[in-house]
Amino acid sequence: MKIELVATLKRQATKILAELHDSKEPVLITEHGKPSAYLVDVDDYEMMQNRMEILDGIAKGEAAILENRVYTHAQAKAKMNK
């Protein structure tokens, strides 16, 4: 992963963004020596968001199973028909 100072980003934003699009490698931006933000390619960000939604759905399903909030196929079908 590439690391850049926020001051460098301010001065060379176009160059850093071009390198990001070419390499698809995230860029860690630091301020005062501490991590501040990540720059990621738009396609990669959207893919990560989609994955997070899927994982969230799986986690909710697992929680429902643990809490016994489940329906049989027949019960679900009857509920959908209402």
PDB file of N, CA and C in Angstrom:
ATOM      1  N   MET A   1       0.833  -1.168   0.000  1.00  0.00           N
ATOM      2  CA  MET A   1       0.000   0.000   0.000  1.00  0.00           C
ATOM      3  C   MET A   1       0.885   1.241   0.000  1.00  0.00           C
ATOM      4  N   LYS A   2       0.477   2.193  -0.779  1.00  0.00           N
ATOM      5  CA  LYS A   2       1.218   3.440  -0.878  1.00  0.00           C
ATOM      6  C   LYS A   2       0.794   4.379   0.256  1.00  0.00           C
ATOM      7  N   ILE A   3       1.742   5.131   0.788  1.00  0.00           N
ATOM      8  CA  ILE A   3       1.459   6.092   1.854  1.00  0.00           C
ATOM      9  C   ILE A   3       1.903   7.468   1.373  1.00  0.00           C
ATOM     10  N   GLU A   4       1.029   8.448   1.549  1.00  0.00           N
ATOM     11  CA  GLU A   4       1.341   9.826   1.146  1.00  0.00           C
ATOM     12  C   GLU A   4       0.964  10.791   2.260  1.00  0.00           C
ATOM     13  N   LEU A   5       1.716  11.856   2.370  1.00  0.00           N
ATOM     14  CA  LEU A   5       1.383  12.937   3.292  1.00  0.00           C
ATOM     15  C   LEU A   5       0.231  13.751   2.715  1.00  0.00           C
ATOM     16  N   VAL A   6      -0.585  14.317   3.572  1.00  0.00           N
ATOM     17  CA  VAL A   6      -1.688  15.148   3.091  1.00  0.00           C
ATOM     18  C   VAL A   6      -1.144  16.339   2.296  1.00  0.00           C
ATOM     19  N   ALA A   7       0.010  16.859   2.683  1.00  0.00           N
ATOM     20  CA  ALA A   7       0.616  17.984   1.953  1.00  0.00           C
ATOM     21  C   ALA A   7       0.980  17.563   0.532  1.00  0.00           C
ATOM     22  N   THR A   8       1.469  16.331   0.379  1.00  0.00           N
ATOM     23  CA  THR A   8       1.805  15.819  -0.950  1.00  0.00           C
ATOM     24  C   THR A   8       0.542  15.668  -1.781  1.00  0.00           C
ATOM     25  N   LEU A   9      -0.524  15.183  -1.148  1.00  0.00           N
ATOM     26  CA  LEU A   9      -1.798  15.055  -1.851  1.00  0.00           C
ATOM     27  C   LEU A   9      -2.275  16.414  -2.354  1.00  0.00           C
ATOM     28  N   LYS A  10      -2.138  17.436  -1.538  1.00  0.00           N
ATOM     29  CA  LYS A  10      -2.559  18.779  -1.944  1.00  0.00           C
ATOM     30  C   LYS A  10      -1.770  19.270  -3.158  1.00  0.00           C
ATOM     31  N   ARG A  11      -0.475  18.977  -3.181  1.00  0.00           N
ATOM     32  CA  ARG A  11       0.377  19.447  -4.264  1.00  0.00           C
ATOM     33  C   ARG A  11       0.304  18.587  -5.516  1.00  0.00           C
ATOM     34  N   GLN A  12       0.085  17.285  -5.340  1.00  0.00           N
ATOM     35  CA  GLN A  12       0.183  16.366  -6.469  1.00  0.00           C
ATOM     36  C   GLN A  12      -1.061  15.484  -6.613  1.00  0.00           C
ATOM     37  N   ALA A  13      -2.220  16.048  -6.367  1.00  0.00           N
ATOM     38  CA  ALA A  13      -3.456  15.261  -6.394  1.00  0.00           C
ATOM     39  C   ALA A  13      -3.668  14.561  -7.737  1.00  0.00           C
ATOM     40  N   THR A  14      -3.473  15.281  -8.835  1.00  0.00           N
ATOM     41  CA  THR A  14      -3.693  14.692 -10.158  1.00  0.00           C
ATOM     42  C   THR A  14      -2.775  13.500 -10.388  1.00  0.00           C
ATOM     43  N   LYS A  15      -1.509  13.633 -10.020  1.00  0.00           N
ATOM     44  CA  LYS A  15      -0.540  12.545 -10.197  1.00  0.00           C
ATOM     45  C   LYS A  15      -0.900  11.350  -9.318  1.00  0.00           C
ATOM     46  N   ILE A  16      -1.238  11.610  -8.063  1.00  0.00           N
ATOM     47  CA  ILE A  16      -1.575  10.524  -7.134  1.00  0.00           C
ATOM     48  C   ILE A  16      -2.834   9.794  -7.602  1.00  0.00           C
ATOM     49  N   LEU A  17      -3.830  10.536  -8.062  1.00  0.00           N
ATOM     50  CA  LEU A  17      -5.054   9.906  -8.558  1.00  0.00           C
ATOM     51  C   LEU A  17      -4.787   9.078  -9.816  1.00  0.00           C
ATOM     52  N   ALA A  18      -3.936   9.573 -10.701  1.00  0.00           N
ATOM     53  CA  ALA A  18      -3.597   8.819 -11.912  1.00  0.00           C
ATOM     54  C   ALA A  18      -2.914   7.505 -11.546  1.00  0.00           C
ATOM     55  N   GLU A  19      -1.993   7.553 -10.583  1.00  0.00           N
ATOM     56  CA  GLU A  19      -1.311   6.339 -10.137  1.00  0.00           C
ATOM     57  C   GLU A  19      -2.296   5.373  -9.473  1.00  0.00           C
ATOM     58  N   LEU A  20      -3.237   5.916  -8.725  1.00  0.00           N
ATOM     59  CA  LEU A  20      -4.261   5.100  -8.073  1.00  0.00           C
ATOM     60  C   LEU A  20      -5.096   4.361  -9.109  1.00  0.00           C
ATOM     61  N   HIS A  21      -5.514   5.066 -10.149  1.00  0.00           N
ATOM     62  CA  HIS A  21      -6.330   4.443 -11.189  1.00  0.00           C
ATOM     63  C   HIS A  21      -5.542   3.382 -11.965  1.00  0.00           C
ATOM     64  N   ASP A  22      -4.258   3.616 -12.144  1.00  0.00           N
ATOM     65  CA  ASP A  22      -3.421   2.647 -12.862  1.00  0.00           C
ATOM     66  C   ASP A  22      -3.135   1.401 -12.030  1.00  0.00           C
ATOM     67  N   SER A  23      -2.778   1.603 -10.774  1.00  0.00           N
ATOM     68  CA  SER A  23      -2.341   0.477  -9.928  1.00  0.00           C
ATOM     69  C   SER A  23      -3.487  -0.179  -9.164  1.00  0.00           C
ATOM     70  N   LYS A  24      -4.583   0.537  -8.979  1.00  0.00           N
ATOM     71  CA  LYS A  24      -5.715   0.054  -8.161  1.00  0.00           C
ATOM     72  C   LYS A  24      -5.306  -0.190  -6.714  1.00  0.00           C
ATOM     73  N   GLU A  25      -4.141   0.310  -6.322  1.00  0.00           N
ATOM     74  CA  GLU A  25      -3.626   0.131  -4.969  1.00  0.00           C
ATOM     75  C   GLU A  25      -4.089   1.293  -4.085  1.00  0.00           C
ATOM     76  N   PRO A  26      -4.737   1.017  -2.941  1.00  0.00           N
ATOM     77  CA  PRO A  26      -5.172   2.102  -2.058  1.00  0.00           C
ATOM     78  C   PRO A  26      -4.003   2.968  -1.607  1.00  0.00           C
ATOM     79  N   VAL A  27      -4.307   4.215  -1.312  1.00  0.00           N
ATOM     80  CA  VAL A  27      -3.298   5.158  -0.836  1.00  0.00           C
ATOM     81  C   VAL A  27      -3.709   5.611   0.563  1.00  0.00           C
ATOM     82  N   LEU A  28      -2.823   5.409   1.535  1.00  0.00           N
ATOM     83  CA  LEU A  28      -3.063   5.871   2.894  1.00  0.00           C
ATOM     84  C   LEU A  28      -2.558   7.304   3.005  1.00  0.00           C
ATOM     85  N   ILE A  29      -3.433   8.208   3.402  1.00  0.00           N
ATOM     86  CA  ILE A  29      -3.065   9.611   3.583  1.00  0.00           C
ATOM     87  C   ILE A  29      -2.809   9.842   5.071  1.00  0.00           C
ATOM     88  N   THR A  30      -1.668  10.450   5.368  1.00  0.00           N
ATOM     89  CA  THR A  30      -1.324  10.719   6.768  1.00  0.00           C
ATOM     90  C   THR A  30      -1.287  12.218   7.033  1.00  0.00           C
ATOM     91  N   GLU A  31      -1.650  12.563   8.250  1.00  0.00           N
ATOM     92  CA  GLU A  31      -1.540  13.945   8.739  1.00  0.00           C
ATOM     93  C   GLU A  31      -0.762  13.902  10.045  1.00  0.00           C
ATOM     94  N   HIS A  32       0.262  14.697  10.129  1.00  0.00           N
ATOM     95  CA  HIS A  32       1.097  14.760  11.336  1.00  0.00           C
ATOM     96  C   HIS A  32       1.587  13.371  11.756  1.00  0.00           C
ATOM     97  N   GLY A  33       1.890  12.544  10.742  1.00  0.00           N
ATOM     98  CA  GLY A  33       2.435  11.220  10.998  1.00  0.00           C
ATOM     99  C   GLY A  33       1.421  10.156  11.372  1.00  0.00           C
ATOM    100  N   LYS A  34       0.143  10.516  11.370  1.00  0.00           N
ATOM    101  CA  LYS A  34      -0.893   9.553  11.746  1.00  0.00           C
ATOM    102  C   LYS A  34      -1.841   9.298  10.579  1.00  0.00           C
ATOM    103  N   PRO A  35      -2.340   8.071  10.448  1.00  0.00           N
ATOM    104  CA  PRO A  35      -3.290   7.774   9.373  1.00  0.00           C
ATOM    105  C   PRO A  35      -4.511   8.680   9.458  1.00  0.00           C
ATOM    106  N   SER A  36      -4.936   9.189   8.309  1.00  0.00           N
ATOM    107  CA  SER A  36      -6.071  10.113   8.276  1.00  0.00           C
ATOM    108  C   SER A  36      -7.190   9.627   7.363  1.00  0.00           C
ATOM    109  N   ALA A  37      -6.823   9.070   6.209  1.00  0.00           N
ATOM    110  CA  ALA A  37      -7.840   8.626   5.250  1.00  0.00           C
ATOM    111  C   ALA A  37      -7.211   7.673   4.248  1.00  0.00           C
ATOM    112  N   TYR A  38      -8.071   6.949   3.556  1.00  0.00           N
ATOM    113  CA  TYR A  38      -7.641   6.109   2.451  1.00  0.00           C
ATOM    114  C   TYR A  38      -8.234   6.647   1.161  1.00  0.00           C
ATOM    115  N   LEU A  39      -7.448   6.630   0.109  1.00  0.00           N
ATOM    116  CA  LEU A  39      -7.958   6.891  -1.234  1.00  0.00           C
ATOM    117  C   LEU A  39      -8.062   5.545  -1.920  1.00  0.00           C
ATOM    118  N   VAL A  40      -9.240   5.243  -2.439  1.00  0.00           N
ATOM    119  CA  VAL A  40      -9.435   3.987  -3.157  1.00  0.00           C
ATOM    120  C   VAL A  40     -10.136   4.259  -4.475  1.00  0.00           C
ATOM    121  N   ASP A  41      -9.908   3.384  -5.430  1.00  0.00           N
ATOM    122  CA  ASP A  41     -10.548   3.483  -6.721  1.00  0.00           C
ATOM    123  C   ASP A  41     -12.064   3.357  -6.554  1.00  0.00           C
ATOM    124  N   VAL A  42     -12.834   4.072  -7.346  1.00  0.00           N
ATOM    125  CA  VAL A  42     -14.297   4.077  -7.240  1.00  0.00           C
ATOM    126  C   VAL A  42     -14.876   2.676  -7.400  1.00  0.00           C
ATOM    127  N   ASP A  43     -14.411   1.933  -8.392  1.00  0.00           N
ATOM    128  CA  ASP A  43     -14.926   0.580  -8.607  1.00  0.00           C
ATOM    129  C   ASP A  43     -14.641  -0.320  -7.408  1.00  0.00           C
ATOM    130  N   ASP A  44     -13.452  -0.192  -6.840  1.00  0.00           N
ATOM    131  CA  ASP A  44     -13.102  -0.989  -5.665  1.00  0.00           C
ATOM    132  C   ASP A  44     -13.967  -0.613  -4.467  1.00  0.00           C
ATOM    133  N   TYR A  45     -14.209   0.688  -4.293  1.00  0.00           N
ATOM    134  CA  TYR A  45     -15.045   1.153  -3.185  1.00  0.00           C
ATOM    135  C   TYR A  45     -16.464   0.601  -3.320  1.00  0.00           C
ATOM    136  N   GLU A  46     -17.028   0.691  -4.517  1.00  0.00           N
ATOM    137  CA  GLU A  46     -18.390   0.196  -4.738  1.00  0.00           C
ATOM    138  C   GLU A  46     -18.466  -1.310  -4.518  1.00  0.00           C
ATOM    139  N   MET A  47     -17.448  -2.040  -4.939  1.00  0.00           N
ATOM    140  CA  MET A  47     -17.409  -3.481  -4.712  1.00  0.00           C
ATOM    141  C   MET A  47     -17.375  -3.778  -3.211  1.00  0.00           C
ATOM    142  N   MET A  48     -16.579  -3.021  -2.458  1.00  0.00           N
ATOM    143  CA  MET A  48     -16.504  -3.218  -1.009  1.00  0.00           C
ATOM    144  C   MET A  48     -17.855  -2.926  -0.350  1.00  0.00           C
ATOM    145  N   GLN A  49     -18.533  -1.881  -0.808  1.00  0.00           N
ATOM    146  CA  GLN A  49     -19.845  -1.544  -0.256  1.00  0.00           C
ATOM    147  C   GLN A  49     -20.841  -2.670  -0.527  1.00  0.00           C
ATOM    148  N   ASN A  50     -20.826  -3.228  -1.733  1.00  0.00           N
ATOM    149  CA  ASN A  50     -21.713  -4.344  -2.065  1.00  0.00           C
ATOM    150  C   ASN A  50     -21.427  -5.551  -1.185  1.00  0.00           C
ATOM    151  N   ARG A  51     -20.155  -5.839  -0.974  1.00  0.00           N
ATOM    152  CA  ARG A  51     -19.779  -6.966  -0.114  1.00  0.00           C
ATOM    153  C   ARG A  51     -20.256  -6.739   1.317  1.00  0.00           C
ATOM    154  N   MET A  52     -20.131  -5.509   1.793  1.00  0.00           N
ATOM    155  CA  MET A  52     -20.579  -5.192   3.149  1.00  0.00           C
ATOM    156  C   MET A  52     -22.085  -5.401   3.288  1.00  0.00           C
ATOM    157  N   GLU A  53     -22.857  -5.038   2.269  1.00  0.00           N
ATOM    158  CA  GLU A  53     -24.299  -5.253   2.304  1.00  0.00           C
ATOM    159  C   GLU A  53     -24.625  -6.743   2.370  1.00  0.00           C
ATOM    160  N   ILE A  54     -23.913  -7.540   1.592  1.00  0.00           N
ATOM    161  CA  ILE A  54     -24.124  -8.991   1.606  1.00  0.00           C
ATOM    162  C   ILE A  54     -23.777  -9.559   2.983  1.00  0.00           C
ATOM    163  N   LEU A  55     -22.626  -9.164   3.526  1.00  0.00           N
ATOM    164  CA  LEU A  55     -22.220  -9.653   4.842  1.00  0.00           C
ATOM    165  C   LEU A  55     -23.194  -9.215   5.929  1.00  0.00           C
ATOM    166  N   ASP A  56     -23.738  -8.002   5.811  1.00  0.00           N
ATOM    167  CA  ASP A  56     -24.725  -7.519   6.770  1.00  0.00           C
ATOM    168  C   ASP A  56     -25.984  -8.379   6.714  1.00  0.00           C
ATOM    169  N   GLY A  57     -26.418  -8.729   5.513  1.00  0.00           N
ATOM    170  CA  GLY A  57     -27.582  -9.595   5.350  1.00  0.00           C
ATOM    171  C   GLY A  57     -27.350 -10.968   5.951  1.00  0.00           C
ATOM    172  N   ILE A  58     -26.160 -11.508   5.744  1.00  0.00           N
ATOM    173  CA  ILE A  58     -25.824 -12.807   6.328  1.00  0.00           C
ATOM    174  C   ILE A  58     -25.835 -12.733   7.848  1.00  0.00           C
ATOM    175  N   ALA A  59     -25.255 -11.679   8.402  1.00  0.00           N
ATOM    176  CA  ALA A  59     -25.220 -11.512   9.862  1.00  0.00           C
ATOM    177  C   ALA A  59     -26.631 -11.400  10.431  1.00  0.00           C
ATOM    178  N   LYS A  60     -27.510 -10.663   9.742  1.00  0.00           N
ATOM    179  CA  LYS A  60     -28.901 -10.543  10.208  1.00  0.00           C
ATOM    180  C   LYS A  60     -29.606 -11.887  10.151  1.00  0.00           C
ATOM    181  N   GLY A  61     -29.356 -12.660   9.112  1.00  0.00           N
ATOM    182  CA  GLY A  61     -29.941 -13.997   9.000  1.00  0.00           C
ATOM    183  C   GLY A  61     -29.460 -14.920  10.098  1.00  0.00           C
ATOM    184  N   GLU A  62     -28.166 -14.873  10.383  1.00  0.00           N
ATOM    185  CA  GLU A  62     -27.623 -15.706  11.453  1.00  0.00           C
ATOM    186  C   GLU A  62     -28.206 -15.312  12.804  1.00  0.00           C
ATOM    187  N   ALA A  63     -28.369 -14.003  13.030  1.00  0.00           N
ATOM    188  CA  ALA A  63     -28.966 -13.537  14.288  1.00  0.00           C
ATOM    189  C   ALA A  63     -30.409 -14.014  14.400  1.00  0.00           C
ATOM    190  N   ALA A  64     -31.146 -13.962  13.299  1.00  0.00           N
ATOM    191  CA  ALA A  64     -32.535 -14.428  13.310  1.00  0.00           C
ATOM    192  C   ALA A  64     -32.600 -15.911  13.653  1.00  0.00           C
ATOM    193  N   ILE A  65     -31.689 -16.700  13.117  1.00  0.00           N
ATOM    194  CA  ILE A  65     -31.657 -18.136  13.418  1.00  0.00           C
ATOM    195  C   ILE A  65     -31.366 -18.361  14.902  1.00  0.00           C
ATOM    196  N   LEU A  66     -30.375 -17.647  15.433  1.00  0.00           N
ATOM    197  CA  LEU A  66     -30.024 -17.799  16.850  1.00  0.00           C
ATOM    198  C   LEU A  66     -31.165 -17.386  17.773  1.00  0.00           C
ATOM    199  N   GLU A  67     -31.959 -16.397  17.346  1.00  0.00           N
ATOM    200  CA  GLU A  67     -33.085 -15.910  18.149  1.00  0.00           C
ATOM    201  C   GLU A  67     -34.377 -16.653  17.821  1.00  0.00           C
ATOM    202  N   ASN A  68     -34.256 -17.698  17.020  1.00  0.00           N
ATOM    203  CA  ASN A  68     -35.393 -18.524  16.615  1.00  0.00           C
ATOM    204  C   ASN A  68     -36.491 -17.708  15.923  1.00  0.00           C
ATOM    205  N   ARG A  69     -36.105 -16.706  15.178  1.00  0.00           N
ATOM    206  CA  ARG A  69     -37.060 -15.916  14.387  1.00  0.00           C
ATOM    207  C   ARG A  69     -37.037 -16.438  12.955  1.00  0.00           C
ATOM    208  N   VAL A  70     -37.513 -17.658  12.788  1.00  0.00           N
ATOM    209  CA  VAL A  70     -37.501 -18.304  11.478  1.00  0.00           C
ATOM    210  C   VAL A  70     -38.896 -18.840  11.155  1.00  0.00           C
ATOM    211  N   TYR A  71     -39.145 -19.054   9.876  1.00  0.00           N
ATOM    212  CA  TYR A  71     -40.421 -19.579   9.404  1.00  0.00           C
ATOM    213  C   TYR A  71     -40.166 -20.828   8.559  1.00  0.00           C
ATOM    214  N   THR A  72     -41.119 -21.725   8.587  1.00  0.00           N
ATOM    215  CA  THR A  72     -41.057 -22.843   7.657  1.00  0.00           C
ATOM    216  C   THR A  72     -41.428 -22.307   6.278  1.00  0.00           C
ATOM    217  N   HIS A  73     -41.213 -23.124   5.260  1.00  0.00           N
ATOM    218  CA  HIS A  73     -41.563 -22.703   3.910  1.00  0.00           C
ATOM    219  C   HIS A  73     -43.053 -22.387   3.822  1.00  0.00           C
ATOM    220  N   ALA A  74     -43.863 -23.239   4.412  1.00  0.00           N
ATOM    221  CA  ALA A  74     -45.319 -23.038   4.373  1.00  0.00           C
ATOM    222  C   ALA A  74     -45.721 -21.750   5.094  1.00  0.00           C
ATOM    223  N   GLN A  75     -45.119 -21.498   6.241  1.00  0.00           N
ATOM    224  CA  GLN A  75     -45.425 -20.281   6.989  1.00  0.00           C
ATOM    225  C   GLN A  75     -45.016 -19.028   6.201  1.00  0.00           C
ATOM    226  N   ALA A  76     -43.861 -19.081   5.591  1.00  0.00           N
ATOM    227  CA  ALA A  76     -43.384 -17.942   4.807  1.00  0.00           C
ATOM    228  C   ALA A  76     -44.297 -17.704   3.615  1.00  0.00           C
ATOM    229  N   LYS A  77     -44.706 -18.787   2.946  1.00  0.00           N
ATOM    230  CA  LYS A  77     -45.591 -18.676   1.784  1.00  0.00           C
ATOM    231  C   LYS A  77     -46.940 -18.072   2.178  1.00  0.00           C
ATOM    232  N   ALA A  78     -47.481 -18.519   3.303  1.00  0.00           N
ATOM    233  CA  ALA A  78     -48.762 -17.977   3.786  1.00  0.00           C
ATOM    234  C   ALA A  78     -48.625 -16.510   4.135  1.00  0.00           C
ATOM    235  N   LYS A  79     -47.522 -16.149   4.755  1.00  0.00           N
ATOM    236  CA  LYS A  79     -47.285 -14.751   5.144  1.00  0.00           C
ATOM    237  C   LYS A  79     -47.157 -13.866   3.895  1.00  0.00           C
ATOM    238  N   MET A  80     -46.517 -14.377   2.857  1.00  0.00           N
ATOM    239  CA  MET A  80     -46.337 -13.615   1.602  1.00  0.00           C
ATOM    240  C   MET A  80     -47.658 -13.433   0.868  1.00  0.00           C
ATOM    241  N   ASN A  81     -48.567 -14.392   1.016  1.00  0.00           N
ATOM    242  CA  ASN A  81     -49.847 -14.312   0.317  1.00  0.00           C
ATOM    243  C   ASN A  81     -50.793 -13.306   0.951  1.00  0.00           C
ATOM    244  N   LYS A  82     -50.526 -12.877   2.161  1.00  0.00           N
ATOM    245  CA  LYS A  82     -51.403 -11.906   2.835  1.00  0.00           C
ATOM    246  C   LYS A  82     -51.256 -10.524   2.266  1.00  0.00           C
TER     247      LYS A  82
END
